[in-house]
Amino acid sequence: MITPGKIIILNGASSSGKTSLVIGSSGSTPTARLTVGKRINKDLSVTYSTNVTSDPNQILAVEYRVSDRLFFIAQFEQASTRKLTARNDNFSFEIRFRKRF
């Protein structure tokens, strides 16, 4: 049983990819999110995440490393599949620049 405010994180990694399962609770509602990632090559990785409990939503992210300091990230989030009338799918694009001091 998961008590309110408790979070359990299970991680696994291999040469073929990365997997994590996060189990927690918000108030009296337990939640669980499964995330699976795969590095295609040294510059490209893909991550898929889904909520496996009461209100499923899915996230697909692609990250491309241009250089050690510049990254492009595209992300698509499919909102709840249960509330089809109030569906809010989101697409986002980020440019990340890293500068070390």
N, C-alpha and C. Protein backbone atom coordinates (compact mmCIF):
# COMPACT_ATOMS: atom_id res chain seq x y z
N MET A 1 0.83 -1.18 0.00
CA MET A 1 0.00 0.00 0.00
C MET A 1 0.88 1.25 0.00
N ILE A 2 0.51 2.22 -0.78
CA ILE A 2 1.26 3.46 -0.87
C ILE A 2 0.62 4.49 0.02
N THR A 3 1.39 5.06 0.91
CA THR A 3 0.87 6.08 1.80
C THR A 3 1.00 7.44 1.14
N PRO A 4 0.14 8.40 1.48
CA PRO A 4 0.20 9.72 0.86
C PRO A 4 1.58 10.36 1.02
N GLY A 5 2.07 10.91 -0.10
CA GLY A 5 3.35 11.59 -0.09
C GLY A 5 4.55 10.69 -0.28
N LYS A 6 4.36 9.37 -0.33
CA LYS A 6 5.48 8.45 -0.50
C LYS A 6 5.73 8.20 -1.98
N ILE A 7 7.01 8.19 -2.36
CA ILE A 7 7.37 7.97 -3.76
C ILE A 7 8.38 6.82 -3.81
N ILE A 8 8.16 5.88 -4.72
CA ILE A 8 9.06 4.77 -4.94
C ILE A 8 9.57 4.88 -6.38
N ILE A 9 10.88 4.79 -6.58
CA ILE A 9 11.45 4.88 -7.92
C ILE A 9 12.25 3.62 -8.20
N LEU A 10 11.93 2.94 -9.31
CA LEU A 10 12.65 1.76 -9.74
C LEU A 10 13.32 2.10 -11.07
N ASN A 11 14.63 1.91 -11.16
CA ASN A 11 15.35 2.23 -12.39
C ASN A 11 16.07 1.00 -12.91
N GLY A 12 16.19 0.92 -14.21
CA GLY A 12 16.97 -0.13 -14.84
C GLY A 12 17.65 0.43 -16.06
N ALA A 13 18.86 -0.03 -16.33
CA ALA A 13 19.59 0.44 -17.50
C ALA A 13 20.34 -0.72 -18.11
N SER A 14 20.44 -0.70 -19.42
CA SER A 14 21.23 -1.69 -20.14
C SER A 14 21.81 -1.01 -21.37
N SER A 15 22.54 -1.77 -22.15
CA SER A 15 23.13 -1.17 -23.36
C SER A 15 22.06 -0.79 -24.37
N SER A 16 20.86 -1.39 -24.26
CA SER A 16 19.81 -1.11 -25.23
C SER A 16 18.89 0.04 -24.84
N GLY A 17 18.95 0.50 -23.59
CA GLY A 17 18.09 1.61 -23.21
C GLY A 17 17.97 1.77 -21.72
N LYS A 18 16.99 2.57 -21.31
CA LYS A 18 16.80 2.91 -19.91
C LYS A 18 15.31 2.82 -19.59
N THR A 19 14.98 2.28 -18.40
CA THR A 19 13.59 2.14 -17.98
C THR A 19 13.46 2.61 -16.55
N SER A 20 12.37 3.31 -16.24
CA SER A 20 12.11 3.67 -14.85
C SER A 20 10.62 3.61 -14.58
N LEU A 21 10.28 3.29 -13.35
CA LEU A 21 8.90 3.25 -12.89
C LEU A 21 8.84 4.07 -11.61
N VAL A 22 8.00 5.10 -11.60
CA VAL A 22 7.83 5.96 -10.43
C VAL A 22 6.44 5.74 -9.88
N ILE A 23 6.37 5.36 -8.61
CA ILE A 23 5.09 5.12 -7.95
C ILE A 23 4.98 6.10 -6.80
N GLY A 24 3.90 6.83 -6.73
CA GLY A 24 3.71 7.80 -5.65
C GLY A 24 2.24 8.02 -5.41
N SER A 25 1.95 8.98 -4.59
CA SER A 25 0.55 9.29 -4.34
C SER A 25 0.39 10.78 -4.12
N SER A 26 -0.77 11.24 -4.53
CA SER A 26 -1.14 12.63 -4.36
C SER A 26 -2.45 12.62 -3.59
N GLY A 27 -2.38 12.89 -2.32
CA GLY A 27 -3.58 12.78 -1.49
C GLY A 27 -3.94 11.32 -1.32
N SER A 28 -5.15 10.94 -1.67
CA SER A 28 -5.58 9.55 -1.53
C SER A 28 -5.51 8.79 -2.84
N THR A 29 -5.02 9.42 -3.92
CA THR A 29 -4.97 8.79 -5.23
C THR A 29 -3.56 8.34 -5.57
N PRO A 30 -3.30 7.03 -5.64
CA PRO A 30 -1.97 6.57 -6.02
C PRO A 30 -1.73 6.79 -7.52
N THR A 31 -0.49 7.04 -7.88
CA THR A 31 -0.13 7.23 -9.28
C THR A 31 1.10 6.39 -9.61
N ALA A 32 1.27 6.06 -10.89
CA ALA A 32 2.45 5.34 -11.36
C ALA A 32 2.74 5.79 -12.78
N ARG A 33 4.01 6.06 -13.06
CA ARG A 33 4.42 6.49 -14.39
C ARG A 33 5.56 5.60 -14.84
N LEU A 34 5.42 5.04 -16.04
CA LEU A 34 6.44 4.19 -16.65
C LEU A 34 7.15 4.99 -17.73
N THR A 35 8.48 5.01 -17.68
CA THR A 35 9.27 5.75 -18.66
C THR A 35 10.29 4.80 -19.28
N VAL A 36 10.36 4.80 -20.61
CA VAL A 36 11.30 3.96 -21.34
C VAL A 36 12.06 4.87 -22.30
N GLY A 37 13.39 4.77 -22.27
CA GLY A 37 14.21 5.60 -23.15
C GLY A 37 15.20 4.77 -23.92
N LYS A 38 15.58 5.25 -25.08
CA LYS A 38 16.55 4.56 -25.94
C LYS A 38 17.47 5.59 -26.59
N ARG A 39 18.77 5.39 -26.43
CA ARG A 39 19.75 6.23 -27.12
C ARG A 39 20.00 5.58 -28.48
N ILE A 40 19.61 6.26 -29.55
CA ILE A 40 19.74 5.73 -30.90
C ILE A 40 21.22 5.76 -31.32
N ASN A 41 21.85 6.90 -31.12
CA ASN A 41 23.29 7.03 -31.33
C ASN A 41 23.80 8.08 -30.34
N LYS A 42 25.04 8.52 -30.46
CA LYS A 42 25.58 9.42 -29.44
C LYS A 42 24.89 10.78 -29.41
N ASP A 43 24.17 11.15 -30.46
CA ASP A 43 23.53 12.46 -30.54
C ASP A 43 22.01 12.44 -30.46
N LEU A 44 21.39 11.28 -30.56
CA LEU A 44 19.93 11.19 -30.66
C LEU A 44 19.38 10.20 -29.64
N SER A 45 18.38 10.65 -28.86
CA SER A 45 17.71 9.75 -27.91
C SER A 45 16.21 9.99 -27.97
N VAL A 46 15.46 8.92 -27.67
CA VAL A 46 14.00 8.95 -27.69
C VAL A 46 13.52 8.45 -26.33
N THR A 47 12.50 9.14 -25.76
CA THR A 47 11.93 8.76 -24.47
C THR A 47 10.41 8.69 -24.60
N TYR A 48 9.83 7.63 -24.05
CA TYR A 48 8.38 7.47 -24.02
C TYR A 48 7.97 7.30 -22.56
N SER A 49 6.93 8.01 -22.14
CA SER A 49 6.46 7.94 -20.77
C SER A 49 4.94 7.88 -20.77
N THR A 50 4.39 7.06 -19.87
CA THR A 50 2.95 6.96 -19.77
C THR A 50 2.53 6.81 -18.31
N ASN A 51 1.40 7.37 -17.99
CA ASN A 51 0.80 7.21 -16.67
C ASN A 51 0.00 5.92 -16.72
N VAL A 52 0.32 4.97 -15.87
CA VAL A 52 -0.32 3.65 -15.95
C VAL A 52 -1.47 3.47 -14.97
N THR A 53 -1.89 4.54 -14.32
CA THR A 53 -2.98 4.43 -13.36
C THR A 53 -4.26 5.05 -13.89
N SER A 54 -5.02 5.67 -13.04
CA SER A 54 -6.39 6.07 -13.31
C SER A 54 -6.57 7.03 -14.49
N ASP A 55 -5.66 7.93 -14.74
CA ASP A 55 -5.85 8.94 -15.79
C ASP A 55 -4.68 8.89 -16.76
N PRO A 56 -4.72 7.98 -17.73
CA PRO A 56 -3.55 7.78 -18.59
C PRO A 56 -3.28 8.96 -19.53
N ASN A 57 -2.04 9.33 -19.62
CA ASN A 57 -1.57 10.26 -20.64
C ASN A 57 -0.21 9.78 -21.10
N GLN A 58 0.22 10.22 -22.27
CA GLN A 58 1.47 9.73 -22.85
C GLN A 58 2.34 10.89 -23.28
N ILE A 59 3.66 10.71 -23.15
CA ILE A 59 4.61 11.72 -23.57
C ILE A 59 5.68 11.05 -24.42
N LEU A 60 5.97 11.64 -25.57
CA LEU A 60 7.04 11.18 -26.44
C LEU A 60 8.00 12.35 -26.63
N ALA A 61 9.28 12.12 -26.34
CA ALA A 61 10.28 13.18 -26.46
C ALA A 61 11.45 12.68 -27.29
N VAL A 62 11.96 13.56 -28.16
CA VAL A 62 13.14 13.28 -28.97
C VAL A 62 14.16 14.37 -28.67
N GLU A 63 15.38 13.95 -28.32
CA GLU A 63 16.43 14.91 -28.00
C GLU A 63 17.60 14.71 -28.97
N TYR A 64 18.02 15.81 -29.58
CA TYR A 64 19.13 15.78 -30.53
C TYR A 64 20.24 16.69 -30.02
N ARG A 65 21.42 16.14 -29.87
CA ARG A 65 22.56 16.92 -29.39
C ARG A 65 23.35 17.41 -30.60
N VAL A 66 23.35 18.72 -30.81
CA VAL A 66 24.09 19.34 -31.92
C VAL A 66 25.57 19.41 -31.56
N SER A 67 25.85 19.79 -30.31
CA SER A 67 27.22 19.86 -29.81
C SER A 67 27.17 19.63 -28.30
N ASP A 68 28.31 19.74 -27.63
CA ASP A 68 28.32 19.57 -26.18
C ASP A 68 27.54 20.65 -25.46
N ARG A 69 27.28 21.76 -26.14
CA ARG A 69 26.59 22.89 -25.51
C ARG A 69 25.19 23.16 -26.05
N LEU A 70 24.80 22.55 -27.17
CA LEU A 70 23.53 22.88 -27.82
C LEU A 70 22.70 21.62 -28.04
N PHE A 71 21.43 21.67 -27.55
CA PHE A 71 20.50 20.55 -27.67
C PHE A 71 19.17 21.04 -28.23
N PHE A 72 18.54 20.22 -29.07
CA PHE A 72 17.17 20.46 -29.53
C PHE A 72 16.30 19.35 -28.94
N ILE A 73 15.15 19.74 -28.39
CA ILE A 73 14.24 18.76 -27.80
C ILE A 73 12.83 19.02 -28.32
N ALA A 74 12.23 17.99 -28.90
CA ALA A 74 10.84 18.05 -29.35
C ALA A 74 10.04 17.10 -28.47
N GLN A 75 8.87 17.55 -28.02
CA GLN A 75 8.06 16.74 -27.11
C GLN A 75 6.59 16.83 -27.48
N PHE A 76 5.93 15.67 -27.48
CA PHE A 76 4.49 15.62 -27.71
C PHE A 76 3.85 14.99 -26.49
N GLU A 77 2.83 15.64 -25.94
CA GLU A 77 2.11 15.10 -24.80
C GLU A 77 0.65 14.91 -25.18
N GLN A 78 0.21 13.66 -25.10
CA GLN A 78 -1.20 13.35 -25.34
C GLN A 78 -1.89 13.37 -23.99
N ALA A 79 -2.86 14.23 -23.86
CA ALA A 79 -3.57 14.38 -22.59
C ALA A 79 -4.41 13.15 -22.30
N SER A 80 -5.15 13.21 -21.26
CA SER A 80 -5.97 12.10 -20.80
C SER A 80 -6.78 11.48 -21.94
N THR A 81 -6.75 10.17 -22.00
CA THR A 81 -7.54 9.48 -23.02
C THR A 81 -8.97 9.21 -22.54
N ARG A 82 -9.23 9.45 -21.27
CA ARG A 82 -10.58 9.21 -20.73
C ARG A 82 -11.50 10.41 -20.91
N LYS A 83 -10.94 11.60 -20.90
CA LYS A 83 -11.75 12.81 -21.04
C LYS A 83 -11.62 13.34 -22.46
N LEU A 84 -12.21 12.63 -23.40
CA LEU A 84 -12.05 12.96 -24.81
C LEU A 84 -12.67 14.30 -25.19
N THR A 85 -13.67 14.76 -24.47
CA THR A 85 -14.29 16.02 -24.81
C THR A 85 -13.43 17.21 -24.39
N ALA A 86 -12.58 17.03 -23.39
CA ALA A 86 -11.74 18.13 -22.90
C ALA A 86 -10.27 17.83 -23.16
N ARG A 87 -9.98 17.22 -24.28
CA ARG A 87 -8.62 16.80 -24.60
C ARG A 87 -7.73 17.99 -24.94
N ASN A 88 -6.55 18.01 -24.37
CA ASN A 88 -5.57 19.07 -24.61
C ASN A 88 -4.23 18.44 -24.93
N ASP A 89 -3.95 18.15 -26.20
CA ASP A 89 -2.66 17.62 -26.60
C ASP A 89 -1.70 18.79 -26.77
N ASN A 90 -0.44 18.58 -26.38
CA ASN A 90 0.56 19.64 -26.44
C ASN A 90 1.78 19.19 -27.22
N PHE A 91 2.31 20.09 -28.03
CA PHE A 91 3.57 19.86 -28.71
C PHE A 91 4.50 21.00 -28.32
N SER A 92 5.72 20.68 -27.95
CA SER A 92 6.66 21.72 -27.57
C SER A 92 8.02 21.46 -28.21
N PHE A 93 8.76 22.53 -28.40
CA PHE A 93 10.09 22.46 -28.98
C PHE A 93 11.01 23.33 -28.13
N GLU A 94 12.12 22.79 -27.69
CA GLU A 94 13.05 23.53 -26.84
C GLU A 94 14.42 23.57 -27.48
N ILE A 95 15.09 24.67 -27.28
CA ILE A 95 16.50 24.79 -27.62
C ILE A 95 17.23 25.04 -26.32
N ARG A 96 18.15 24.16 -25.97
CA ARG A 96 18.89 24.30 -24.72
C ARG A 96 20.35 24.59 -25.03
N PHE A 97 20.84 25.60 -24.38
CA PHE A 97 22.23 26.00 -24.53
C PHE A 97 22.88 25.92 -23.16
N ARG A 98 24.00 25.23 -23.06
CA ARG A 98 24.67 25.08 -21.78
C ARG A 98 25.98 25.86 -21.79
N LYS A 99 26.16 26.67 -20.77
CA LYS A 99 27.38 27.45 -20.59
C LYS A 99 27.91 27.19 -19.20
N ARG A 100 29.15 26.77 -19.08
CA ARG A 100 29.76 26.50 -17.78
C ARG A 100 30.67 27.66 -17.41
N PHE A 101 30.61 28.03 -16.14
CA PHE A 101 31.44 29.12 -15.63
C PHE A 101 32.51 28.59 -14.72
